[in-house]
Protein backbone atom coordinates (compact mmCIF):
# COMPACT_ATOMS: atom_id res chain seq x y z
CA MET A 1 87.73 -61.73 -12.62
CA ALA A 2 88.29 -58.19 -13.82
CA LEU A 3 87.77 -58.72 -17.51
CA LYS A 4 86.29 -55.75 -19.33
CA SER A 5 85.07 -57.21 -22.61
CA LYS A 6 83.80 -60.40 -24.16
CA THR A 7 86.65 -60.24 -26.65
CA SER A 8 89.25 -60.49 -23.91
CA VAL A 9 87.38 -63.42 -22.32
CA TRP A 10 87.33 -65.36 -25.58
CA LEU A 11 90.95 -64.39 -26.27
CA ILE A 12 92.02 -65.81 -22.91
CA CYS A 13 89.94 -68.95 -23.53
CA GLY A 14 91.57 -69.31 -26.95
CA ILE A 15 95.04 -69.02 -25.39
CA MET A 16 94.11 -71.62 -22.78
CA ALA A 17 92.83 -73.96 -25.52
CA ALA A 18 96.07 -73.43 -27.47
CA VAL A 19 98.14 -74.30 -24.39
CA VAL A 20 96.10 -77.48 -23.85
CA SER A 21 96.41 -78.32 -27.57
CA ALA A 22 100.18 -77.86 -27.39
CA PHE A 23 100.42 -81.14 -25.48
CA PHE A 24 99.43 -83.15 -28.59
CA PRO A 25 102.96 -83.31 -30.05
CA VAL A 26 104.55 -83.77 -26.60
CA LEU A 27 102.48 -86.60 -25.16
CA GLU A 28 101.51 -89.92 -26.65
CA THR A 29 97.98 -89.73 -28.04
CA THR A 30 96.11 -92.32 -26.01
CA PRO A 31 92.36 -92.63 -25.36
CA LEU A 32 93.01 -91.19 -21.89
CA PHE A 33 94.79 -88.18 -23.38
CA ILE A 34 92.05 -87.55 -25.95
CA GLU A 35 89.35 -87.70 -23.31
CA ALA A 36 91.33 -85.41 -20.98
CA TYR A 37 91.77 -82.99 -23.88
CA LEU A 38 88.04 -82.96 -24.70
CA PHE A 39 87.06 -82.34 -21.08
CA ALA A 40 89.68 -79.58 -20.81
CA ILE A 41 88.22 -77.87 -23.89
CA LEU A 42 84.74 -78.28 -22.38
CA GLY A 43 85.95 -76.70 -19.12
CA ILE A 44 87.56 -73.79 -20.98
CA ALA A 45 84.33 -73.21 -22.91
CA ALA A 46 82.33 -73.33 -19.66
CA LEU A 47 84.69 -70.77 -18.13
CA GLY A 48 84.24 -68.51 -21.17
CA PHE A 49 80.46 -68.76 -21.12
CA GLY A 50 80.38 -68.25 -17.33
CA SER A 51 82.50 -65.10 -17.62
CA VAL A 52 80.42 -63.72 -20.48
CA TYR A 53 77.26 -64.48 -18.47
CA LEU A 54 78.71 -62.46 -15.58
CA MET A 55 79.48 -59.50 -17.85
CA ARG A 56 76.15 -59.67 -19.65
CA SER A 57 74.19 -59.59 -16.41
CA GLY A 58 75.49 -56.15 -15.43
CA LYS A 59 74.52 -56.82 -11.82
CA SER A 60 76.75 -57.30 -8.85
CA TYR A 61 74.78 -60.05 -7.19
CA PRO A 62 76.83 -62.90 -5.69
CA TRP A 63 75.27 -65.63 -7.85
CA PHE A 64 76.46 -63.90 -11.03
CA ALA A 65 80.01 -63.81 -9.71
CA ALA A 66 79.72 -67.46 -8.68
CA PHE A 67 79.18 -68.70 -12.26
CA PRO A 68 82.76 -68.10 -13.49
CA PHE A 69 84.16 -69.11 -10.08
CA VAL A 70 82.39 -72.48 -10.24
CA THR A 71 83.46 -73.07 -13.84
CA TRP A 72 87.04 -72.02 -13.02
CA THR A 73 87.10 -74.46 -10.10
CA TYR A 74 85.77 -77.22 -12.36
CA LEU A 75 88.41 -76.44 -14.98
CA VAL A 76 91.28 -76.53 -12.47
CA VAL A 77 90.09 -79.71 -10.72
CA GLN A 78 89.48 -81.65 -13.92
CA ILE A 79 92.81 -80.56 -15.44
CA LEU A 80 94.67 -81.56 -12.26
CA PHE A 81 92.86 -84.91 -12.23
CA SER A 82 93.69 -85.51 -15.89
CA ALA A 83 97.29 -84.35 -15.47
CA LEU A 84 97.80 -86.74 -12.57
CA PHE A 85 96.67 -89.81 -14.49
CA LEU A 86 98.34 -88.76 -17.75
CA THR A 87 101.61 -88.32 -15.84
CA ILE A 88 101.21 -91.75 -14.26
CA GLU A 89 100.39 -93.22 -17.67
CA ASN A 90 103.47 -91.68 -19.31
CA LEU A 91 105.97 -92.24 -16.47
CA PHE A 92 104.94 -95.63 -15.17
CA ASN A 93 103.29 -97.09 -18.26
CA TRP A 94 100.10 -97.76 -16.30
CA SER A 95 96.79 -96.55 -17.61
CA PHE A 96 93.77 -95.67 -15.49
CA PRO A 97 90.78 -97.56 -16.96
CA ILE A 98 89.12 -95.28 -19.49
CA THR A 99 85.65 -96.19 -18.20
CA TRP A 100 86.51 -94.99 -14.68
CA PHE A 101 88.30 -91.95 -16.07
CA SER A 102 85.16 -91.05 -18.03
CA LEU A 103 82.94 -91.70 -15.04
CA VAL A 104 84.97 -89.39 -12.78
CA HIS A 105 84.91 -86.61 -15.41
CA ILE A 106 81.17 -87.03 -15.92
CA LEU A 107 80.59 -86.93 -12.15
CA MET A 108 82.63 -83.72 -11.86
CA LEU A 109 80.67 -82.19 -14.73
CA THR A 110 77.38 -83.30 -13.15
CA ILE A 111 78.29 -81.72 -9.81
CA VAL A 112 79.16 -78.44 -11.54
CA ALA A 113 75.91 -78.54 -13.52
CA ILE A 114 73.89 -79.11 -10.33
CA ILE A 115 75.65 -76.21 -8.62
CA LEU A 116 75.00 -73.89 -11.58
CA ILE A 117 71.34 -74.94 -11.76
CA ALA A 118 70.97 -74.35 -8.01
CA LEU A 119 72.58 -70.92 -8.35
CA ASN A 120 70.18 -70.05 -11.15
CA PHE A 121 67.22 -71.29 -9.10
CA GLY A 122 68.39 -69.19 -6.15
CA LYS A 123 68.68 -66.16 -8.42
CA GLY A 124 65.07 -66.63 -9.56
CA TYR A 125 63.85 -66.95 -5.97
CA ILE A 126 65.75 -63.87 -4.82
CA ASP A 127 64.53 -61.84 -7.81
CA ALA A 128 60.92 -62.80 -7.02
CA ARG A 129 61.42 -61.95 -3.36
CA GLY A 130 62.98 -58.63 -4.36
CA ALA A 131 59.91 -57.74 -6.42
CA ALA A 132 57.65 -58.45 -3.43
CA VAL A 133 59.88 -56.36 -1.15
CA ARG A 134 59.87 -53.46 -3.64
CA GLU A 135 56.07 -53.50 -3.74
CA LYS A 136 55.80 -53.43 0.05
CA VAL A 137 58.52 -50.78 0.43
CA ILE A 138 56.61 -48.51 -1.96
CA GLY A 139 53.48 -49.05 0.15
CA LEU A 140 55.37 -48.19 3.34
CA LYS A 141 56.86 -45.06 1.76
CA MET A 142 53.40 -43.94 0.71
CA LEU A 143 52.13 -44.46 4.28
CA VAL A 144 55.05 -42.44 5.66
CA ALA A 145 54.32 -39.65 3.17
CA ASP A 146 50.64 -39.70 4.23
CA LEU A 147 51.66 -39.47 7.89
CA ASP A 148 54.03 -36.58 7.14
CA THR A 149 51.13 -34.79 5.44
CA ALA A 150 48.84 -35.58 8.38
CA SER A 151 51.37 -34.16 10.86
CA ASP A 152 51.28 -30.85 8.97
CA LYS A 153 47.47 -30.81 9.11
CA LEU A 154 47.23 -31.90 12.76
CA PRO A 155 49.88 -29.90 14.68
CA SER A 156 48.44 -31.03 18.02
CA MET A 157 49.37 -34.66 17.24
CA LYS A 158 52.62 -33.90 15.43
CA ASP A 159 54.86 -35.82 17.90
CA GLU A 160 52.66 -38.94 17.88
CA ILE A 161 52.34 -38.92 14.09
CA LYS A 162 56.11 -38.41 13.72
CA ALA A 163 56.70 -41.41 16.01
CA ALA A 164 54.34 -43.51 13.89
CA ALA A 165 56.06 -42.34 10.70
CA ASP A 166 59.48 -43.22 12.18
CA ALA A 167 58.21 -46.66 13.21
CA LEU A 168 56.98 -47.27 9.66
CA ARG A 169 60.15 -45.84 8.13
CA TYR A 170 62.32 -48.36 9.99
CA SER A 171 59.91 -51.29 9.92
CA ASP A 172 60.47 -54.59 8.14
CA PRO A 173 58.64 -54.50 4.80
CA MET A 174 58.47 -58.29 4.64
CA SER A 175 57.05 -59.08 8.02
CA SER A 176 55.92 -62.64 8.51
CA PRO A 177 52.15 -63.32 8.43
CA THR A 178 52.50 -65.15 11.74
CA LEU A 179 53.61 -61.88 13.34
CA ALA A 180 50.65 -59.93 11.98
CA GLU A 181 48.54 -60.60 15.09
CA TYR A 182 51.28 -59.22 17.38
CA GLU A 183 52.00 -56.27 15.11
CA ASN A 184 48.30 -55.39 15.00
CA ALA A 185 48.13 -55.60 18.81
CA MET A 186 51.12 -53.29 19.07
CA GLY A 187 49.51 -50.88 16.63
CA ILE A 188 46.26 -50.87 18.59
CA ALA A 189 48.14 -50.33 21.86
CA TRP A 190 50.03 -47.42 20.26
CA LEU A 191 46.78 -45.78 19.14
CA GLN A 192 45.35 -45.94 22.65
């Protein structure tokens, strides 16, 4: 979604709401129609808030982009579901039981809510992991800088120190604690 401002998002949502509202004079106002209308407005609002959330974040992480995509998918699916049963109701004079209609809409909304909550949880986990990685990367960069300084002071060991600095430069900053024993053994073997 390449929207540049919140105003354009809300303008598009307003147009979508107007299009949905335009069906009032065309279709018979039944409980099914009113419920479909309310869930359509809810889906349009969710799409608007999801898009604004994406713009407000200012980051290009996948979970931010997923918010409007999930809400857009919800909006399309629930409108298609409603349109199907409203068409059947108007053409064949058969009405889907309102209780089941409500239940299906609530289930769709629940699934979308669970997905959005899971995305937000994943975002929190990745942000926390990113902070830990940043801390360790800074530590590794400081070690590499110390080794570069040591290679200038110890020209006789310059090649060995450069190899150690290169190994640190390309090492994994988030090594698993279970690998620590093996990494320490490799480090000891390198020093010998």
